[in-house]
Amino acid sequence: MKLIYGLIFSLKSFVLKLSPVDWKEGFLNYRTSKYKLNFYETGTGLKFFMNTDVNAVNVCELLQRIYRDVCDYNL
């Protein structure tokens, strides 16, 4: 988990430094030939990661839905 967190932290920082504009969404995913790592960060800083097939779509929406469902469940 620490390795994944360090990877995401570094990629997020790298993307923000390279972006020519203030990029609101930031880093969302990266893809290799074998998998795609998807990332969603809530406004409070809670981070969700999901490894998927390289052809997976709408994973960010799925992660947002998971977060909403967890929050609704706890209320």
N, C-alpha and C. Protein backbone atom coordinates (compact mmCIF):
# COMPACT_ATOMS: atom_id res chain seq x y z
N MET A 1 0.82 -1.20 0.00
CA MET A 1 0.00 0.00 0.00
C MET A 1 0.86 1.26 0.00
N LYS A 2 1.95 1.23 0.75
CA LYS A 2 2.83 2.40 0.77
C LYS A 2 3.45 2.65 -0.60
N LEU A 3 3.77 1.57 -1.30
CA LEU A 3 4.36 1.70 -2.63
C LEU A 3 3.36 2.33 -3.60
N ILE A 4 2.12 1.89 -3.57
CA ILE A 4 1.09 2.46 -4.44
C ILE A 4 0.85 3.93 -4.08
N TYR A 5 0.78 4.23 -2.79
CA TYR A 5 0.58 5.62 -2.37
C TYR A 5 1.72 6.50 -2.86
N GLY A 6 2.95 6.03 -2.72
CA GLY A 6 4.10 6.80 -3.19
C GLY A 6 4.07 7.00 -4.69
N LEU A 7 3.66 5.97 -5.42
CA LEU A 7 3.56 6.08 -6.88
C LEU A 7 2.52 7.12 -7.26
N ILE A 8 1.34 7.06 -6.66
CA ILE A 8 0.28 8.01 -6.98
C ILE A 8 0.68 9.43 -6.58
N PHE A 9 1.28 9.59 -5.43
CA PHE A 9 1.73 10.91 -4.98
C PHE A 9 2.71 11.50 -5.98
N SER A 10 3.67 10.69 -6.43
CA SER A 10 4.67 11.17 -7.39
C SER A 10 4.05 11.49 -8.74
N LEU A 11 3.15 10.63 -9.23
CA LEU A 11 2.50 10.88 -10.51
C LEU A 11 1.63 12.13 -10.46
N LYS A 12 0.91 12.30 -9.36
CA LYS A 12 0.07 13.50 -9.20
C LYS A 12 0.91 14.76 -9.24
N SER A 13 2.01 14.75 -8.51
CA SER A 13 2.90 15.90 -8.47
C SER A 13 3.49 16.18 -9.85
N PHE A 14 3.90 15.13 -10.55
CA PHE A 14 4.49 15.25 -11.87
C PHE A 14 3.48 15.83 -12.86
N VAL A 15 2.24 15.33 -12.84
CA VAL A 15 1.21 15.81 -13.75
C VAL A 15 0.89 17.28 -13.48
N LEU A 16 0.79 17.65 -12.23
CA LEU A 16 0.47 19.04 -11.90
C LEU A 16 1.58 19.99 -12.33
N LYS A 17 2.83 19.56 -12.25
CA LYS A 17 3.94 20.42 -12.66
C LYS A 17 4.01 20.56 -14.18
N LEU A 18 3.62 19.53 -14.92
CA LEU A 18 3.67 19.57 -16.38
C LEU A 18 2.47 20.26 -17.01
N SER A 19 1.38 20.35 -16.29
CA SER A 19 0.16 20.90 -16.85
C SER A 19 0.32 22.40 -17.12
N PRO A 20 -0.01 22.85 -18.34
CA PRO A 20 0.11 24.28 -18.66
C PRO A 20 -1.00 25.12 -18.05
N VAL A 21 -2.07 24.50 -17.59
CA VAL A 21 -3.18 25.22 -16.97
C VAL A 21 -3.47 24.60 -15.61
N ASP A 22 -4.30 25.30 -14.83
CA ASP A 22 -4.70 24.77 -13.52
C ASP A 22 -5.67 23.62 -13.78
N TRP A 23 -5.19 22.41 -13.65
CA TRP A 23 -5.96 21.22 -13.99
C TRP A 23 -6.74 20.76 -12.78
N LYS A 24 -8.06 20.95 -12.80
CA LYS A 24 -8.90 20.64 -11.65
C LYS A 24 -8.99 19.14 -11.35
N GLU A 25 -9.07 18.31 -12.40
CA GLU A 25 -9.24 16.88 -12.16
C GLU A 25 -7.96 16.20 -11.75
N GLY A 26 -6.81 16.73 -12.16
CA GLY A 26 -5.54 16.13 -11.79
C GLY A 26 -5.33 14.77 -12.41
N PHE A 27 -4.64 13.91 -11.71
CA PHE A 27 -4.30 12.58 -12.19
C PHE A 27 -5.48 11.64 -11.99
N LEU A 28 -5.91 10.95 -13.06
CA LEU A 28 -7.05 10.05 -12.98
C LEU A 28 -6.66 8.58 -13.13
N ASN A 29 -5.69 8.29 -14.02
CA ASN A 29 -5.29 6.91 -14.23
C ASN A 29 -4.00 6.84 -15.01
N TYR A 30 -3.40 5.68 -15.02
CA TYR A 30 -2.30 5.41 -15.94
C TYR A 30 -2.45 3.99 -16.43
N ARG A 31 -1.89 3.74 -17.61
CA ARG A 31 -2.10 2.46 -18.27
C ARG A 31 -0.76 1.84 -18.65
N THR A 32 -0.67 0.55 -18.44
CA THR A 32 0.46 -0.23 -18.94
C THR A 32 -0.10 -1.21 -19.98
N SER A 33 0.73 -2.07 -20.50
CA SER A 33 0.23 -3.06 -21.46
C SER A 33 -0.59 -4.15 -20.77
N LYS A 34 -0.50 -4.25 -19.45
CA LYS A 34 -1.17 -5.33 -18.72
C LYS A 34 -2.36 -4.87 -17.88
N TYR A 35 -2.34 -3.64 -17.38
CA TYR A 35 -3.41 -3.17 -16.50
C TYR A 35 -3.53 -1.65 -16.56
N LYS A 36 -4.61 -1.16 -15.96
CA LYS A 36 -4.85 0.28 -15.84
C LYS A 36 -5.11 0.57 -14.36
N LEU A 37 -4.37 1.49 -13.79
CA LEU A 37 -4.58 1.88 -12.40
C LEU A 37 -5.41 3.15 -12.41
N ASN A 38 -6.58 3.10 -11.79
CA ASN A 38 -7.52 4.22 -11.74
C ASN A 38 -7.47 4.85 -10.36
N PHE A 39 -7.65 6.17 -10.30
CA PHE A 39 -7.50 6.91 -9.06
C PHE A 39 -8.63 7.91 -8.93
N TYR A 40 -9.20 8.00 -7.73
CA TYR A 40 -10.21 9.01 -7.42
C TYR A 40 -9.92 9.54 -6.03
N GLU A 41 -9.86 10.87 -5.90
CA GLU A 41 -9.63 11.50 -4.60
C GLU A 41 -10.81 12.39 -4.26
N THR A 42 -11.36 12.20 -3.08
CA THR A 42 -12.51 13.00 -2.65
C THR A 42 -12.05 14.38 -2.21
N GLY A 43 -13.00 15.26 -2.01
CA GLY A 43 -12.69 16.61 -1.55
C GLY A 43 -12.05 16.63 -0.17
N THR A 44 -12.28 15.59 0.61
CA THR A 44 -11.71 15.51 1.95
C THR A 44 -10.34 14.80 1.96
N GLY A 45 -9.89 14.37 0.78
CA GLY A 45 -8.57 13.74 0.69
C GLY A 45 -8.57 12.22 0.76
N LEU A 46 -9.74 11.61 0.84
CA LEU A 46 -9.83 10.15 0.83
C LEU A 46 -9.52 9.66 -0.58
N LYS A 47 -8.65 8.66 -0.69
CA LYS A 47 -8.19 8.20 -2.00
C LYS A 47 -8.67 6.78 -2.28
N PHE A 48 -9.17 6.58 -3.51
CA PHE A 48 -9.62 5.28 -3.97
C PHE A 48 -8.77 4.88 -5.17
N PHE A 49 -8.27 3.62 -5.17
CA PHE A 49 -7.50 3.06 -6.27
C PHE A 49 -8.20 1.80 -6.75
N MET A 50 -8.14 1.56 -8.06
CA MET A 50 -8.68 0.32 -8.58
C MET A 50 -7.87 -0.10 -9.81
N ASN A 51 -7.34 -1.31 -9.77
CA ASN A 51 -6.67 -1.88 -10.94
C ASN A 51 -7.72 -2.56 -11.80
N THR A 52 -7.70 -2.27 -13.10
CA THR A 52 -8.67 -2.84 -14.02
C THR A 52 -7.98 -3.31 -15.29
N ASP A 53 -8.77 -3.91 -16.16
CA ASP A 53 -8.33 -4.25 -17.50
C ASP A 53 -8.02 -2.95 -18.24
N VAL A 54 -7.12 -2.99 -19.21
CA VAL A 54 -6.73 -1.76 -19.92
C VAL A 54 -7.89 -1.15 -20.71
N ASN A 55 -8.91 -1.92 -21.02
CA ASN A 55 -10.03 -1.42 -21.81
C ASN A 55 -11.21 -0.96 -20.96
N ALA A 56 -11.08 -0.98 -19.65
CA ALA A 56 -12.18 -0.57 -18.76
C ALA A 56 -12.49 0.92 -18.96
N VAL A 57 -13.77 1.24 -18.93
CA VAL A 57 -14.21 2.64 -19.10
C VAL A 57 -15.09 3.04 -17.92
N ASN A 58 -15.21 4.33 -17.70
CA ASN A 58 -16.07 4.91 -16.65
C ASN A 58 -15.70 4.43 -15.25
N VAL A 59 -14.45 4.13 -15.01
CA VAL A 59 -14.03 3.65 -13.70
C VAL A 59 -14.08 4.78 -12.67
N CYS A 60 -13.76 5.99 -13.08
CA CYS A 60 -13.81 7.13 -12.15
C CYS A 60 -15.24 7.31 -11.64
N GLU A 61 -16.21 7.18 -12.53
CA GLU A 61 -17.62 7.27 -12.11
C GLU A 61 -17.97 6.15 -11.14
N LEU A 62 -17.46 4.96 -11.39
CA LEU A 62 -17.69 3.83 -10.48
C LEU A 62 -17.10 4.11 -9.11
N LEU A 63 -15.89 4.64 -9.06
CA LEU A 63 -15.25 4.95 -7.78
C LEU A 63 -16.03 6.04 -7.04
N GLN A 64 -16.55 7.02 -7.77
CA GLN A 64 -17.37 8.05 -7.14
C GLN A 64 -18.65 7.45 -6.57
N ARG A 65 -19.25 6.53 -7.30
CA ARG A 65 -20.47 5.87 -6.83
C ARG A 65 -20.20 5.03 -5.59
N ILE A 66 -19.07 4.33 -5.57
CA ILE A 66 -18.69 3.55 -4.39
C ILE A 66 -18.56 4.46 -3.18
N TYR A 67 -17.90 5.60 -3.37
CA TYR A 67 -17.73 6.56 -2.28
C TYR A 67 -19.08 7.06 -1.78
N ARG A 68 -19.96 7.42 -2.71
CA ARG A 68 -21.31 7.90 -2.31
C ARG A 68 -22.06 6.82 -1.55
N ASP A 69 -21.99 5.58 -2.04
CA ASP A 69 -22.70 4.49 -1.38
C ASP A 69 -22.17 4.24 0.03
N VAL A 70 -20.87 4.32 0.20
CA VAL A 70 -20.27 4.14 1.53
C VAL A 70 -20.72 5.25 2.46
N CYS A 71 -20.71 6.48 1.96
CA CYS A 71 -21.14 7.62 2.78
C CYS A 71 -22.61 7.52 3.13
N ASP A 72 -23.45 7.13 2.18
CA ASP A 72 -24.88 6.98 2.45
C ASP A 72 -25.13 5.86 3.44
N TYR A 73 -24.36 4.79 3.35
CA TYR A 73 -24.51 3.65 4.25
C TYR A 73 -24.20 4.04 5.69
N ASN A 74 -23.20 4.91 5.89
CA ASN A 74 -22.78 5.30 7.23
C ASN A 74 -23.71 6.32 7.87
N LEU A 75 -24.58 6.94 7.09
CA LEU A 75 -25.51 7.93 7.65
C LEU A 75 -26.65 7.21 8.25
